[in-house]
Amino acid sequence: MTAIKLFKKITVLIYLLGAVLFFSSCAKTINPNAQNVGVGEEYGTSDSDWR
């Protein structure tokens, strides 16, 4: 019985570590894109002499 409990604990830890790594990688890829996109860039008016 102890081997089964140990196996369950190890699998839970692996799943938790996988989830943490997955969400941290998503946060790293989403944050720079969100900071670089602005209203001016979306409509092409970010240049000072766009008219």
Protein backbone atom coordinates (compact mmCIF):
# COMPACT_ATOMS: atom_id res chain seq x y z
CA MET A 1 0.00 0.00 0.00
CA THR A 2 2.79 2.47 0.73
CA ALA A 3 4.21 2.05 -2.78
CA ILE A 4 0.83 3.00 -4.27
CA LYS A 5 0.57 6.07 -2.04
CA LEU A 6 4.11 7.09 -2.93
CA PHE A 7 3.37 6.64 -6.63
CA LYS A 8 0.21 8.77 -6.32
CA LYS A 9 2.11 11.53 -4.53
CA ILE A 10 4.84 11.52 -7.17
CA THR A 11 2.32 11.71 -10.02
CA VAL A 12 0.48 14.58 -8.33
CA LEU A 13 3.75 16.46 -7.90
CA ILE A 14 4.64 15.89 -11.54
CA TYR A 15 1.24 17.20 -12.67
CA LEU A 16 1.52 20.25 -10.41
CA LEU A 17 5.02 21.06 -11.64
CA GLY A 18 3.86 20.64 -15.23
CA ALA A 19 0.94 22.98 -14.66
CA VAL A 20 3.17 25.60 -13.02
CA LEU A 21 5.68 25.44 -15.87
CA PHE A 22 2.88 25.64 -18.45
CA PHE A 23 1.25 28.69 -16.87
CA SER A 24 4.55 30.45 -16.29
CA SER A 25 5.52 29.96 -19.93
CA CYS A 26 2.15 31.32 -21.02
CA ALA A 27 2.56 34.36 -18.79
CA LYS A 28 6.03 35.05 -20.20
CA THR A 29 4.77 34.94 -23.79
CA ILE A 30 1.61 36.97 -23.19
CA ASN A 31 3.06 39.85 -21.13
CA PRO A 32 5.55 41.28 -23.68
CA ASN A 33 2.94 41.24 -26.43
CA ALA A 34 0.38 42.99 -24.24
CA GLN A 35 2.87 45.72 -23.34
CA ASN A 36 3.92 46.38 -26.93
CA VAL A 37 0.43 46.69 -28.40
CA GLY A 38 -1.04 50.16 -28.08
CA VAL A 39 -4.03 51.99 -29.48
CA GLY A 40 -1.84 54.07 -31.75
CA GLU A 41 -0.12 51.05 -33.21
CA GLU A 42 -3.43 49.33 -33.78
CA TYR A 43 -4.75 52.15 -35.96
CA GLY A 44 -1.42 53.16 -37.44
CA THR A 45 -1.33 56.56 -35.71
CA SER A 46 1.70 55.97 -33.49
CA ASP A 47 3.93 58.17 -35.70
CA SER A 48 4.11 61.83 -34.76
CA ASP A 49 3.65 62.95 -38.40
CA TRP A 50 1.12 60.39 -39.53
CA ARG A 51 -1.10 62.95 -41.27
